[in-house]
N, C-alpha and C. Protein backbone atom coordinates (compact mmCIF):
# COMPACT_ATOMS: atom_id res chain seq x y z
N UNK A 1 0.80 -1.27 -0.08
CA UNK A 1 -0.10 0.02 0.01
C UNK A 1 1.00 1.31 -0.06
N UNK A 2 2.09 1.08 0.43
CA UNK A 2 2.77 2.32 0.64
C UNK A 2 3.54 2.67 -0.55
N UNK A 3 4.00 1.64 -1.50
CA UNK A 3 4.36 1.86 -2.67
C UNK A 3 3.33 2.79 -3.54
N UNK A 4 2.12 2.02 -3.73
CA UNK A 4 1.01 2.63 -4.36
C UNK A 4 0.88 4.15 -4.33
N UNK A 5 1.02 4.47 -2.66
CA UNK A 5 0.94 5.77 -2.54
C UNK A 5 1.97 6.71 -2.91
N UNK A 6 3.19 6.06 -2.93
CA UNK A 6 4.33 6.79 -3.52
C UNK A 6 4.10 6.98 -4.98
N UNK A 7 3.59 6.11 -5.65
CA UNK A 7 3.32 6.16 -7.22
C UNK A 7 2.31 7.21 -7.38
N UNK A 8 1.47 7.48 -6.59
CA UNK A 8 0.07 8.22 -6.91
C UNK A 8 0.82 9.61 -6.65
N UNK A 9 1.46 9.98 -5.39
CA UNK A 9 1.96 11.06 -5.21
C UNK A 9 2.91 11.74 -6.07
N UNK A 10 3.91 10.81 -6.47
CA UNK A 10 4.96 11.09 -7.61
C UNK A 10 4.42 11.46 -8.96
N UNK A 11 3.36 10.58 -9.31
CA UNK A 11 2.58 11.07 -10.55
C UNK A 11 1.98 12.44 -10.53
N UNK A 12 1.25 12.86 -9.19
CA UNK A 12 0.79 14.04 -9.21
C UNK A 12 1.63 15.11 -9.07
N UNK A 13 2.91 14.95 -8.50
CA UNK A 13 3.98 15.85 -8.19
C UNK A 13 4.67 16.30 -9.82
N UNK A 14 4.77 14.92 -10.64
CA UNK A 14 5.44 15.20 -11.96
C UNK A 14 4.17 15.97 -12.83
N UNK A 15 3.09 15.62 -12.64
CA UNK A 15 1.94 16.16 -13.61
C UNK A 15 2.00 17.82 -13.23
N UNK A 16 1.86 18.30 -11.82
CA UNK A 16 1.89 19.61 -11.38
C UNK A 16 3.00 20.28 -11.92
N UNK A 17 4.20 19.69 -11.85
CA UNK A 17 5.37 20.41 -12.23
C UNK A 17 5.29 20.63 -13.64
N UNK A 18 4.74 19.84 -14.45
CA UNK A 18 4.77 19.73 -16.07
C UNK A 18 3.61 20.78 -16.22
N UNK A 19 2.58 20.91 -15.61
CA UNK A 19 1.54 21.94 -15.94
C UNK A 19 2.16 23.43 -15.50
N UNK A 20 2.77 23.52 -14.56
CA UNK A 20 3.49 24.69 -14.04
C UNK A 20 4.54 25.11 -15.15
N UNK A 21 5.47 24.30 -15.59
CA UNK A 21 6.21 24.34 -16.55
C UNK A 21 5.62 25.15 -18.03
N UNK A 22 4.61 24.23 -18.17
CA UNK A 22 3.81 24.58 -19.52
C UNK A 22 3.24 26.09 -19.68
N UNK A 23 2.50 26.35 -18.43
CA UNK A 23 2.03 27.64 -17.95
C UNK A 23 3.10 28.83 -17.82
N UNK A 24 4.07 28.54 -17.19
CA UNK A 24 5.35 29.53 -17.45
C UNK A 24 5.70 29.68 -19.00
N UNK A 25 5.80 28.55 -19.64
CA UNK A 25 6.22 28.61 -20.98
C UNK A 25 5.46 29.33 -21.82
N UNK A 26 4.03 29.12 -21.69
CA UNK A 26 2.93 30.01 -22.29
C UNK A 26 2.92 31.27 -21.97
N UNK A 27 3.35 31.76 -20.89
CA UNK A 27 3.31 33.03 -20.24
C UNK A 27 1.72 33.27 -19.85
N UNK A 28 0.96 32.26 -19.51
CA UNK A 28 -0.36 32.34 -19.27
C UNK A 28 -0.41 32.92 -17.68
N UNK A 29 0.08 32.23 -16.90
CA UNK A 29 0.38 32.35 -15.42
C UNK A 29 1.86 32.19 -15.05
N UNK A 30 2.66 33.08 -15.59
CA UNK A 30 3.95 33.14 -15.21
C UNK A 30 4.31 33.48 -13.90
N UNK A 31 4.73 32.56 -13.06
CA UNK A 31 5.18 32.40 -11.94
C UNK A 31 6.58 31.96 -11.57
N UNK A 32 7.54 32.67 -10.73
CA UNK A 32 8.79 32.46 -10.49
C UNK A 32 8.79 31.62 -9.22
N UNK A 33 7.63 31.38 -8.40
CA UNK A 33 7.62 30.54 -7.11
C UNK A 33 6.71 29.41 -7.15
N UNK A 34 6.38 28.77 -8.36
CA UNK A 34 5.34 27.90 -8.45
C UNK A 34 5.83 26.52 -7.78
N UNK A 35 7.05 26.56 -7.51
CA UNK A 35 7.80 25.41 -6.80
C UNK A 35 7.53 25.31 -5.52
N UNK A 36 7.24 26.23 -4.90
CA UNK A 36 6.79 26.34 -3.62
C UNK A 36 5.35 25.55 -3.12
N UNK A 37 4.39 25.92 -4.08
CA UNK A 37 3.14 25.32 -4.12
C UNK A 37 3.26 23.60 -4.28
N UNK A 38 4.17 23.17 -5.25
CA UNK A 38 4.23 21.80 -5.19
C UNK A 38 4.78 21.12 -4.23
N UNK A 39 6.03 21.87 -3.44
CA UNK A 39 6.43 21.32 -2.15
C UNK A 39 5.32 21.22 -1.20
N UNK A 40 4.63 22.19 -0.97
CA UNK A 40 3.50 22.43 -0.01
C UNK A 40 2.69 21.20 -0.08
N UNK A 41 2.00 21.05 -1.29
CA UNK A 41 1.10 19.75 -1.66
C UNK A 41 1.83 18.34 -1.32
N UNK A 42 3.30 18.23 -1.67
CA UNK A 42 3.66 17.10 -1.41
C UNK A 42 3.85 16.87 0.17
N UNK A 43 4.22 17.91 1.01
CA UNK A 43 4.33 17.71 2.30
C UNK A 43 2.97 17.22 2.79
N UNK A 44 1.92 18.10 2.58
CA UNK A 44 0.43 17.82 3.09
C UNK A 44 0.07 16.37 2.53
N UNK A 45 0.62 15.90 1.49
CA UNK A 45 -0.02 14.58 1.13
C UNK A 45 0.74 13.69 1.74
N UNK A 46 1.97 13.77 2.17
CA UNK A 46 2.61 12.82 2.85
C UNK A 46 1.94 12.79 4.59
N UNK A 47 1.73 14.01 5.08
CA UNK A 47 1.20 14.04 6.31
C UNK A 47 -0.26 13.57 6.20
N UNK A 48 -0.80 13.51 5.30
CA UNK A 48 -2.26 12.88 5.18
C UNK A 48 -2.04 11.31 5.35
N UNK A 49 -1.11 10.98 4.29
CA UNK A 49 -0.90 9.40 4.46
C UNK A 49 -0.34 8.99 5.75
N UNK A 50 0.47 9.53 6.58
CA UNK A 50 0.81 9.16 7.78
C UNK A 50 -0.17 9.00 8.75
N UNK A 51 -1.33 10.09 8.80
CA UNK A 51 -2.34 10.10 9.63
C UNK A 51 -3.24 8.84 9.18
N UNK A 52 -3.41 8.52 8.10
CA UNK A 52 -4.48 7.55 7.84
C UNK A 52 -3.91 6.01 7.80
N UNK A 53 -2.43 5.85 7.79
CA UNK A 53 -1.80 4.58 8.21
C UNK A 53 -1.87 4.08 9.45
N UNK A 54 -2.15 4.74 10.42
CA UNK A 54 -2.25 4.56 12.08
C UNK A 54 -3.62 3.69 12.07
N UNK A 55 -3.29 2.60 12.84
CA UNK A 55 -4.46 1.46 13.16
C UNK A 55 -5.54 2.20 14.06
N UNK A 56 -6.61 1.76 13.41
CA UNK A 56 -7.89 2.04 14.23
C UNK A 56 -8.66 0.89 14.40
N UNK A 57 -9.39 0.75 15.62
CA UNK A 57 -10.24 -0.46 15.95
C UNK A 57 -11.35 -0.50 14.89
N UNK A 58 -12.14 0.61 14.86
CA UNK A 58 -13.47 0.58 14.16
C UNK A 58 -13.16 1.05 12.69
N UNK A 59 -13.70 0.46 11.82
CA UNK A 59 -13.33 0.84 10.27
C UNK A 59 -14.08 2.20 9.83
N UNK A 60 -15.22 2.44 10.62
CA UNK A 60 -16.11 3.73 10.40
C UNK A 60 -15.15 4.93 10.70
N UNK A 61 -14.17 4.71 11.61
CA UNK A 61 -13.37 5.85 11.94
C UNK A 61 -12.42 6.17 10.84
N UNK A 62 -12.19 5.55 9.85
CA UNK A 62 -11.39 5.82 8.69
C UNK A 62 -12.32 6.82 7.91
N UNK A 63 -13.45 6.77 8.02
CA UNK A 63 -14.11 7.93 7.28
C UNK A 63 -14.10 9.30 7.92
N UNK A 64 -14.20 9.34 9.30
CA UNK A 64 -13.84 10.61 10.19
C UNK A 64 -12.66 11.12 9.90
N UNK A 65 -11.56 10.14 9.81
CA UNK A 65 -10.15 10.75 9.50
C UNK A 65 -10.14 11.22 8.03
N UNK A 66 -10.70 10.75 7.16
CA UNK A 66 -10.56 11.28 5.80
C UNK A 66 -11.15 12.49 5.79
N UNK A 67 -12.54 12.70 6.30
CA UNK A 67 -13.22 14.01 6.24
C UNK A 67 -12.29 15.03 7.21
N UNK A 68 -11.98 14.65 8.12
CA UNK A 68 -11.15 15.59 9.06
C UNK A 68 -9.71 15.99 8.14
N UNK A 69 -9.05 15.09 7.55
CA UNK A 69 -7.74 15.30 7.00
C UNK A 69 -8.26 16.15 5.59
N UNK A 70 -9.14 16.00 5.08
CA UNK A 70 -9.71 16.79 3.93
C UNK A 70 -9.96 18.26 4.32
N UNK A 71 -10.61 18.55 5.37
CA UNK A 71 -10.93 19.76 5.88
C UNK A 71 -9.82 20.43 6.46
N UNK A 72 -8.76 19.69 6.99
CA UNK A 72 -7.93 20.39 7.56
C UNK A 72 -6.82 20.73 6.29
N UNK A 73 -6.69 19.86 5.36
CA UNK A 73 -5.84 20.19 4.07
C UNK A 73 -6.27 21.49 3.56
N UNK A 74 -7.77 21.68 3.39
CA UNK A 74 -8.16 22.90 2.87
C UNK A 74 -8.15 24.10 3.71
N UNK A 75 -8.11 23.84 4.99
CA UNK A 75 -7.75 24.98 5.71
C UNK A 75 -6.30 25.38 5.86
N UNK A 76 -5.51 24.65 5.79
CA UNK A 76 -4.05 24.85 5.81
C UNK A 76 -3.56 25.35 4.41
N UNK A 77 -4.27 25.10 3.39
CA UNK A 77 -4.11 25.59 2.03
C UNK A 77 -4.50 27.13 1.87
N UNK A 78 -5.66 27.32 2.48
CA UNK A 78 -6.31 28.74 2.61
C UNK A 78 -5.05 29.66 3.52
N UNK A 79 -4.78 28.96 4.74
CA UNK A 79 -3.73 29.80 5.36
C UNK A 79 -2.43 30.20 4.50
N UNK A 80 -1.99 29.06 3.94
CA UNK A 80 -0.78 29.04 3.16
C UNK A 80 -1.05 30.35 1.98
N UNK A 81 -1.98 30.40 1.51
CA UNK A 81 -2.28 31.31 0.46
C UNK A 81 -2.53 32.72 0.93
N UNK A 82 -2.97 32.80 2.24
CA UNK A 82 -3.04 34.11 2.99
C UNK A 82 -1.58 34.53 3.25
N UNK A 83 -0.88 33.58 3.81
CA UNK A 83 0.55 34.00 4.25
C UNK A 83 1.30 34.37 3.07
N UNK A 84 1.07 33.90 1.87
CA UNK A 84 1.87 34.26 0.62
C UNK A 84 1.28 35.52 0.37
N UNK A 85 -0.08 36.00 0.28
CA UNK A 85 -0.59 37.24 -0.02
C UNK A 85 0.06 38.40 0.83
N UNK A 86 0.29 37.99 2.02
CA UNK A 86 0.85 38.93 3.01
C UNK A 86 2.29 39.41 2.61
N UNK A 87 3.31 38.27 2.07
CA UNK A 87 4.36 38.31 2.03
C UNK A 87 4.86 38.88 0.40
N UNK A 88 3.87 38.48 -0.65
CA UNK A 88 4.27 38.84 -1.74
C UNK A 88 2.94 39.28 -2.58
N UNK A 89 2.48 40.62 -2.43
CA UNK A 89 1.21 40.92 -3.15
C UNK A 89 1.26 41.15 -4.59
N UNK A 90 2.32 41.41 -4.95
CA UNK A 90 2.50 41.51 -6.61
C UNK A 90 2.33 40.35 -7.28
N UNK A 91 2.89 39.20 -6.92
CA UNK A 91 2.77 37.98 -7.77
C UNK A 91 1.75 37.13 -7.26
N UNK A 92 0.89 37.57 -6.19
CA UNK A 92 -0.21 36.58 -5.62
C UNK A 92 -1.10 36.07 -6.70
N UNK A 93 -1.44 36.85 -7.61
CA UNK A 93 -2.60 36.24 -8.60
C UNK A 93 -2.11 34.96 -9.47
N UNK A 94 -0.84 35.14 -9.97
CA UNK A 94 -0.19 34.26 -10.66
C UNK A 94 0.20 32.87 -9.55
N UNK A 95 0.66 33.16 -8.56
CA UNK A 95 0.87 31.96 -7.67
C UNK A 95 -0.41 31.29 -7.26
N UNK A 96 -1.45 32.15 -6.89
CA UNK A 96 -2.61 31.57 -6.46
C UNK A 96 -3.29 30.48 -7.78
N UNK A 97 -3.13 31.06 -8.92
CA UNK A 97 -3.44 30.07 -9.97
C UNK A 97 -2.75 28.91 -9.99
N UNK A 98 -1.48 28.93 -9.97
CA UNK A 98 -0.57 27.60 -9.84
C UNK A 98 -0.99 26.73 -8.48
N UNK A 99 -1.21 27.48 -7.49
CA UNK A 99 -1.76 26.60 -6.40
C UNK A 99 -2.82 26.05 -6.50
N UNK A 100 -3.87 26.60 -6.89
CA UNK A 100 -5.08 26.11 -7.04
C UNK A 100 -5.29 24.98 -8.02
N UNK A 101 -4.47 25.12 -9.05
CA UNK A 101 -4.31 23.87 -9.92
C UNK A 101 -3.38 22.75 -9.39
N UNK A 102 -2.60 22.95 -8.56
CA UNK A 102 -1.89 21.93 -7.78
C UNK A 102 -2.84 21.32 -6.81
N UNK A 103 -3.64 22.10 -6.11
CA UNK A 103 -4.57 21.65 -5.20
C UNK A 103 -5.48 20.61 -5.65
N UNK A 104 -6.16 21.16 -6.85
CA UNK A 104 -6.97 20.17 -7.59
C UNK A 104 -6.48 18.76 -7.95
N UNK A 105 -5.29 19.01 -8.68
CA UNK A 105 -4.72 17.82 -9.18
C UNK A 105 -4.19 16.83 -8.02
N UNK A 106 -3.67 17.40 -6.87
CA UNK A 106 -3.29 16.36 -5.90
C UNK A 106 -4.64 15.91 -5.13
N UNK A 107 -5.40 16.57 -5.19
CA UNK A 107 -6.84 16.29 -4.48
C UNK A 107 -7.39 15.19 -5.36
N UNK A 108 -7.56 15.17 -6.81
CA UNK A 108 -8.08 14.11 -7.39
C UNK A 108 -7.15 12.82 -7.20
N UNK A 109 -5.87 13.08 -7.34
CA UNK A 109 -5.20 11.74 -6.98
C UNK A 109 -5.27 11.17 -5.70
N UNK A 110 -5.40 12.08 -4.57
CA UNK A 110 -5.66 11.53 -3.23
C UNK A 110 -6.99 10.98 -3.16
N UNK A 111 -7.88 11.65 -3.83
CA UNK A 111 -9.31 10.68 -3.71
C UNK A 111 -9.34 9.45 -4.16
N UNK A 112 -8.62 9.29 -5.39
CA UNK A 112 -8.41 7.91 -6.08
C UNK A 112 -7.69 6.93 -5.17
N UNK A 113 -6.68 7.35 -4.46
CA UNK A 113 -5.84 6.48 -3.87
C UNK A 113 -6.70 6.24 -2.49
N UNK A 114 -7.59 7.08 -1.80
CA UNK A 114 -8.17 6.90 -0.63
C UNK A 114 -9.04 6.10 -0.81
N UNK A 115 -9.91 5.92 -2.13
CA UNK A 115 -10.96 5.05 -2.32
C UNK A 115 -10.52 3.54 -2.48
N UNK A 116 -9.37 3.56 -3.17
CA UNK A 116 -8.49 2.41 -2.83
C UNK A 116 -8.28 1.79 -1.52
N UNK A 117 -7.67 2.69 -0.71
CA UNK A 117 -7.43 2.42 0.49
C UNK A 117 -8.42 1.97 1.50
N UNK A 118 -9.73 2.57 1.42
CA UNK A 118 -10.80 2.22 1.97
C UNK A 118 -11.41 0.85 1.75
N UNK A 119 -11.36 0.57 0.26
CA UNK A 119 -11.77 -0.69 -0.08
C UNK A 119 -10.98 -1.98 0.16
N UNK A 120 -9.65 -1.64 0.47
CA UNK A 120 -8.75 -2.70 0.73
C UNK A 120 -8.80 -3.40 1.89
N UNK A 121 -8.64 -4.80 2.01
CA UNK A 121 -9.12 -5.51 3.29
C UNK A 121 -7.75 -5.06 4.36
N UNK A 122 -8.46 -4.85 5.59
CA UNK A 122 -7.32 -4.51 6.57
C UNK A 122 -6.87 -5.67 7.33
N UNK A 123 -5.61 -6.07 7.25
CA UNK A 123 -4.94 -7.05 7.95
C UNK A 123 -4.74 -6.46 9.52
N UNK A 124 -5.55 -6.48 10.41
CA UNK A 124 -5.28 -6.01 11.81
C UNK A 124 -4.68 -7.27 12.50
């Protein structure tokens, strides 16, 4: 299960990087700090995985953990955007565009992984 998680997160990081490079190349949303967004989402994804692999007695608790981690991730992302806006107002719009694209991409891949994680038999 851990190797499949690394594949999913690696694929989403590669796609995020590719999309950001393409957007910078096309000068649509040119941002020099897009890599901060990719690193931020990678860190949050790893933290989410670490929370989910802890043993729980009741399988229904996985649902609560997933909902809590999704809401927590959204909150942390909004706080991260707020901090970036305070630090660098001039480039915020372009950074926010990259940030939201990365958020959506990582979320799609994580939801796919979580669905497989929930359906997999647990060997406690």
